[in-house]
Amino acid sequence: MPILAPRRLLLLALGLAAGCGREDGGEDARTLSPAEADTICDQTCDAAESCGEQRSACVIACLEKASLWRGDLMRFLADCLLAIDCDLVRACDAQAEKEFMPTSAARKFARSCDLRLEGCGFSDGVAAICDYSYLGDDVIEDLSACLDETCFEIEACLEIRAGA
């Protein structure tokens, strides 16, 4: 399931950067509350277990993602995964790629990050370093503090704060 498999998480994250559809969700673009994350992860991991996934690993991975990812994306993926057969979970990734665009906060952060890293003399891979389009706006706000770090500390700061 996308919430579990790191390879699919990467594909989803990369797909969201180029996606089209839902953009600014206001409060929905922030991360889930702990209570809502628990509920969504319990439901999703029950379904994952019935598809052969290990429940405890699922819950850990899901709660980690819920603490970082946009709430509207987490709700969408959970609804999709609960409504689909085990062998069709990739369809949820594909649909999410079509449905979600980076929020204005994510786009603003990406532009600021790109400019900051270019000012540091970095050119290769800047777009990948600065793309956090699938994260909640509250996490994006926290990442902005990394741009005040020295040039050589920015990337590490972003990885630590984004749980990469």
C-alpha atoms as a PDB file:
ATOM      1  CA  MET A   1       0.000   0.000   0.000  1.00  0.00           C
ATOM      2  CA  PRO A   2       1.330   3.523  -0.699  1.00  0.00           C
ATOM      3  CA  ILE A   3       1.452   4.421   2.969  1.00  0.00           C
ATOM      4  CA  LEU A   4       3.752   1.467   3.539  1.00  0.00           C
ATOM      5  CA  ALA A   5       6.059   0.970   0.596  1.00  0.00           C
ATOM      6  CA  PRO A   6       9.010   3.398   0.426  1.00  0.00           C
ATOM      7  CA  ARG A   7       9.441   2.889  -3.329  1.00  0.00           C
ATOM      8  CA  ARG A   8       5.829   3.850  -3.933  1.00  0.00           C
ATOM      9  CA  LEU A   9       6.122   6.758  -1.479  1.00  0.00           C
ATOM     10  CA  LEU A  10       8.916   8.152  -3.609  1.00  0.00           C
ATOM     11  CA  LEU A  11       6.894   7.731  -6.785  1.00  0.00           C
ATOM     12  CA  LEU A  12       3.920   9.387  -5.158  1.00  0.00           C
ATOM     13  CA  ALA A  13       6.001  12.279  -3.880  1.00  0.00           C
ATOM     14  CA  LEU A  14       7.580  12.786  -7.277  1.00  0.00           C
ATOM     15  CA  GLY A  15       4.212  12.526  -8.969  1.00  0.00           C
ATOM     16  CA  LEU A  16       2.662  15.116  -6.699  1.00  0.00           C
ATOM     17  CA  ALA A  17       5.255  17.640  -7.731  1.00  0.00           C
ATOM     18  CA  ALA A  18       3.973  17.490 -11.283  1.00  0.00           C
ATOM     19  CA  GLY A  19       0.338  16.737 -10.500  1.00  0.00           C
ATOM     20  CA  CYS A  20      -2.700  18.783 -11.239  1.00  0.00           C
ATOM     21  CA  GLY A  21      -5.980  19.162  -9.411  1.00  0.00           C
ATOM     22  CA  ARG A  22      -6.445  20.002  -5.727  1.00  0.00           C
ATOM     23  CA  GLU A  23      -4.229  22.825  -4.648  1.00  0.00           C
ATOM     24  CA  ASP A  24      -4.858  24.950  -1.594  1.00  0.00           C
ATOM     25  CA  GLY A  25      -6.862  23.117   0.995  1.00  0.00           C
ATOM     26  CA  GLY A  26      -6.551  25.618   3.869  1.00  0.00           C
ATOM     27  CA  GLU A  27      -6.660  23.656   7.096  1.00  0.00           C
ATOM     28  CA  ASP A  28      -6.958  20.457   5.026  1.00  0.00           C
ATOM     29  CA  ALA A  29      -3.427  21.051   3.722  1.00  0.00           C
ATOM     30  CA  ARG A  30      -2.042  20.917   7.262  1.00  0.00           C
ATOM     31  CA  THR A  31      -1.112  17.606   8.877  1.00  0.00           C
ATOM     32  CA  LEU A  32      -3.776  15.532  10.605  1.00  0.00           C
ATOM     33  CA  SER A  33      -4.518  15.886  14.289  1.00  0.00           C
ATOM     34  CA  PRO A  34      -3.081  12.989  16.340  1.00  0.00           C
ATOM     35  CA  ALA A  35      -6.589  11.629  16.943  1.00  0.00           C
ATOM     36  CA  GLU A  36      -7.505  11.691  13.250  1.00  0.00           C
ATOM     37  CA  ALA A  37      -4.145  10.160  12.325  1.00  0.00           C
ATOM     38  CA  ASP A  38      -4.763   7.310  14.792  1.00  0.00           C
ATOM     39  CA  THR A  39      -8.206   6.650  13.312  1.00  0.00           C
ATOM     40  CA  ILE A  40      -7.059   6.769   9.692  1.00  0.00           C
ATOM     41  CA  CYS A  41      -3.999   4.622  10.368  1.00  0.00           C
ATOM     42  CA  ASP A  42      -6.013   2.043  12.323  1.00  0.00           C
ATOM     43  CA  GLN A  43      -8.543   1.723   9.502  1.00  0.00           C
ATOM     44  CA  THR A  44      -5.961   1.711   6.738  1.00  0.00           C
ATOM     45  CA  CYS A  45      -3.719  -0.783   8.519  1.00  0.00           C
ATOM     46  CA  ASP A  46      -6.645  -3.112   9.208  1.00  0.00           C
ATOM     47  CA  ALA A  47      -7.190  -3.173   5.447  1.00  0.00           C
ATOM     48  CA  ALA A  48      -3.448  -3.577   4.813  1.00  0.00           C
ATOM     49  CA  GLU A  49      -3.330  -6.534   7.189  1.00  0.00           C
ATOM     50  CA  SER A  50      -6.137  -8.220   5.270  1.00  0.00           C
ATOM     51  CA  CYS A  51      -3.965  -7.733   2.151  1.00  0.00           C
ATOM     52  CA  GLY A  52      -1.005  -9.493   3.777  1.00  0.00           C
ATOM     53  CA  GLU A  53       0.895  -6.520   5.233  1.00  0.00           C
ATOM     54  CA  GLN A  54       2.270  -6.579   8.770  1.00  0.00           C
ATOM     55  CA  ARG A  55      -0.059  -4.410  10.879  1.00  0.00           C
ATOM     56  CA  SER A  56       2.493  -3.076  13.383  1.00  0.00           C
ATOM     57  CA  ALA A  57       4.885  -1.916  10.642  1.00  0.00           C
ATOM     58  CA  CYS A  58       1.957  -0.353   8.803  1.00  0.00           C
ATOM     59  CA  VAL A  59       0.847   1.642  11.854  1.00  0.00           C
ATOM     60  CA  ILE A  60       4.368   2.954  12.489  1.00  0.00           C
ATOM     61  CA  ALA A  61       4.847   4.007   8.851  1.00  0.00           C
ATOM     62  CA  CYS A  62       1.366   5.482   8.588  1.00  0.00           C
ATOM     63  CA  LEU A  63       1.667   7.576  11.754  1.00  0.00           C
ATOM     64  CA  GLU A  64       5.057   8.850  10.594  1.00  0.00           C
ATOM     65  CA  LYS A  65       3.574   9.929   7.256  1.00  0.00           C
ATOM     66  CA  ALA A  66       0.528  11.435   8.992  1.00  0.00           C
ATOM     67  CA  SER A  67       2.826  13.651  11.069  1.00  0.00           C
ATOM     68  CA  LEU A  68       4.357  15.072   7.873  1.00  0.00           C
ATOM     69  CA  TRP A  69       1.951  14.753   4.954  1.00  0.00           C
ATOM     70  CA  ARG A  70      -0.956  16.982   4.011  1.00  0.00           C
ATOM     71  CA  GLY A  71      -4.135  15.941   5.774  1.00  0.00           C
ATOM     72  CA  ASP A  72      -6.197  16.112   2.595  1.00  0.00           C
ATOM     73  CA  LEU A  73      -3.744  13.744   0.876  1.00  0.00           C
ATOM     74  CA  MET A  74      -3.765  11.312   3.812  1.00  0.00           C
ATOM     75  CA  ARG A  75      -7.586  11.303   3.873  1.00  0.00           C
ATOM     76  CA  PHE A  76      -7.719  10.794   0.109  1.00  0.00           C
ATOM     77  CA  LEU A  77      -5.276   7.873   0.177  1.00  0.00           C
ATOM     78  CA  ALA A  78      -7.044   6.252   3.142  1.00  0.00           C
ATOM     79  CA  ASP A  79     -10.455   6.548   1.466  1.00  0.00           C
ATOM     80  CA  CYS A  80      -9.048   5.152  -1.767  1.00  0.00           C
ATOM     81  CA  LEU A  81      -7.212   2.278  -0.095  1.00  0.00           C
ATOM     82  CA  LEU A  82     -10.281   1.307   1.933  1.00  0.00           C
ATOM     83  CA  ALA A  83     -12.443   1.211  -1.190  1.00  0.00           C
ATOM     84  CA  ILE A  84     -10.159  -0.782  -3.474  1.00  0.00           C
ATOM     85  CA  ASP A  85      -9.042  -4.389  -3.886  1.00  0.00           C
ATOM     86  CA  CYS A  86      -5.573  -5.329  -2.635  1.00  0.00           C
ATOM     87  CA  ASP A  87      -4.205  -5.862  -6.128  1.00  0.00           C
ATOM     88  CA  LEU A  88      -5.282  -2.375  -7.278  1.00  0.00           C
ATOM     89  CA  VAL A  89      -3.570  -0.148  -4.675  1.00  0.00           C
ATOM     90  CA  ARG A  90      -1.355   1.490  -7.321  1.00  0.00           C
ATOM     91  CA  ALA A  91      -4.512   3.067  -8.698  1.00  0.00           C
ATOM     92  CA  CYS A  92      -4.628   5.177  -5.525  1.00  0.00           C
ATOM     93  CA  ASP A  93      -1.137   6.529  -6.273  1.00  0.00           C
ATOM     94  CA  ALA A  94      -2.140   7.350  -9.837  1.00  0.00           C
ATOM     95  CA  GLN A  95      -5.328   9.070  -8.755  1.00  0.00           C
ATOM     96  CA  ALA A  96      -3.486  11.099  -6.092  1.00  0.00           C
ATOM     97  CA  GLU A  97      -1.010  12.262  -8.729  1.00  0.00           C
ATOM     98  CA  LYS A  98      -3.941  13.609 -10.751  1.00  0.00           C
ATOM     99  CA  GLU A  99      -5.807  15.103  -7.799  1.00  0.00           C
ATOM    100  CA  PHE A 100      -3.181  17.024  -5.831  1.00  0.00           C
ATOM    101  CA  MET A 101      -1.001  20.005  -6.690  1.00  0.00           C
ATOM    102  CA  PRO A 102       1.467  21.718  -4.370  1.00  0.00           C
ATOM    103  CA  THR A 103      -0.155  24.327  -2.150  1.00  0.00           C
ATOM    104  CA  SER A 104       0.813  27.973  -2.437  1.00  0.00           C
ATOM    105  CA  ALA A 105       2.936  27.517   0.720  1.00  0.00           C
ATOM    106  CA  ALA A 106       4.803  24.598  -0.900  1.00  0.00           C
ATOM    107  CA  ARG A 107       5.338  26.537  -4.140  1.00  0.00           C
ATOM    108  CA  LYS A 108       6.560  29.606  -2.235  1.00  0.00           C
ATOM    109  CA  PHE A 109       8.930  27.458  -0.173  1.00  0.00           C
ATOM    110  CA  ALA A 110      10.282  25.723  -3.298  1.00  0.00           C
ATOM    111  CA  ARG A 111      10.998  29.088  -4.950  1.00  0.00           C
ATOM    112  CA  SER A 112      12.690  30.478  -1.818  1.00  0.00           C
ATOM    113  CA  CYS A 113      14.702  27.290  -1.361  1.00  0.00           C
ATOM    114  CA  ASP A 114      15.772  27.232  -5.023  1.00  0.00           C
ATOM    115  CA  LEU A 115      16.932  30.851  -4.821  1.00  0.00           C
ATOM    116  CA  ARG A 116      18.759  30.278  -1.530  1.00  0.00           C
ATOM    117  CA  LEU A 117      20.621  27.218  -2.818  1.00  0.00           C
ATOM    118  CA  GLU A 118      21.455  28.894  -6.111  1.00  0.00           C
ATOM    119  CA  GLY A 119      22.838  31.799  -4.047  1.00  0.00           C
ATOM    120  CA  CYS A 120      25.030  29.245  -2.307  1.00  0.00           C
ATOM    121  CA  GLY A 121      26.425  28.151  -5.662  1.00  0.00           C
ATOM    122  CA  PHE A 122      24.486  24.862  -5.885  1.00  0.00           C
ATOM    123  CA  SER A 123      22.936  24.050  -9.228  1.00  0.00           C
ATOM    124  CA  ASP A 124      22.640  20.269  -9.541  1.00  0.00           C
ATOM    125  CA  GLY A 125      19.605  18.694  -7.920  1.00  0.00           C
ATOM    126  CA  VAL A 126      18.267  21.919  -6.415  1.00  0.00           C
ATOM    127  CA  ALA A 127      14.698  21.204  -7.513  1.00  0.00           C
ATOM    128  CA  ALA A 128      14.740  17.771  -5.866  1.00  0.00           C
ATOM    129  CA  ILE A 129      16.162  19.156  -2.627  1.00  0.00           C
ATOM    130  CA  CYS A 130      13.480  21.848  -2.451  1.00  0.00           C
ATOM    131  CA  ASP A 131      10.410  19.792  -3.433  1.00  0.00           C
ATOM    132  CA  TYR A 132       8.264  19.039  -0.408  1.00  0.00           C
ATOM    133  CA  SER A 133       4.926  19.380  -2.176  1.00  0.00           C
ATOM    134  CA  TYR A 134       3.297  16.435  -0.383  1.00  0.00           C
ATOM    135  CA  LEU A 135       4.000  17.764   3.117  1.00  0.00           C
ATOM    136  CA  GLY A 136       1.516  19.619   5.282  1.00  0.00           C
ATOM    137  CA  ASP A 137       1.678  23.398   5.192  1.00  0.00           C
ATOM    138  CA  ASP A 138       2.556  23.410   8.909  1.00  0.00           C
ATOM    139  CA  VAL A 139       5.608  21.226   8.162  1.00  0.00           C
ATOM    140  CA  ILE A 140       6.541  23.491   5.234  1.00  0.00           C
ATOM    141  CA  GLU A 141       6.452  26.475   7.617  1.00  0.00           C
ATOM    142  CA  ASP A 142       8.865  24.624   9.909  1.00  0.00           C
ATOM    143  CA  LEU A 143      11.182  23.833   6.989  1.00  0.00           C
ATOM    144  CA  SER A 144      11.478  27.528   6.152  1.00  0.00           C
ATOM    145  CA  ALA A 145      13.766  27.976   9.159  1.00  0.00           C
ATOM    146  CA  CYS A 146      16.306  25.747   7.387  1.00  0.00           C
ATOM    147  CA  LEU A 147      16.830  28.419   4.751  1.00  0.00           C
ATOM    148  CA  ASP A 148      18.426  30.599   7.460  1.00  0.00           C
ATOM    149  CA  GLU A 149      21.141  27.979   8.023  1.00  0.00           C
ATOM    150  CA  THR A 150      24.578  28.184   6.418  1.00  0.00           C
ATOM    151  CA  CYS A 151      24.783  26.961   2.836  1.00  0.00           C
ATOM    152  CA  PHE A 152      26.250  23.597   3.802  1.00  0.00           C
ATOM    153  CA  GLU A 153      23.697  22.956   6.582  1.00  0.00           C
ATOM    154  CA  ILE A 154      20.510  23.605   4.586  1.00  0.00           C
ATOM    155  CA  GLU A 155      20.107  20.167   3.004  1.00  0.00           C
ATOM    156  CA  ALA A 156      20.763  18.305   6.279  1.00  0.00           C
ATOM    157  CA  CYS A 157      18.326  20.580   8.114  1.00  0.00           C
ATOM    158  CA  LEU A 158      15.617  19.898   5.519  1.00  0.00           C
ATOM    159  CA  GLU A 159      16.177  16.135   5.714  1.00  0.00           C
ATOM    160  CA  ILE A 160      16.033  16.123   9.509  1.00  0.00           C
ATOM    161  CA  ARG A 161      12.935  18.321   9.782  1.00  0.00           C
ATOM    162  CA  ALA A 162      11.083  16.525   6.970  1.00  0.00           C
ATOM    163  CA  GLY A 163      11.932  13.091   8.308  1.00  0.00           C
ATOM    164  CA  ALA A 164      13.680  12.124   5.076  1.00  0.00           C
END
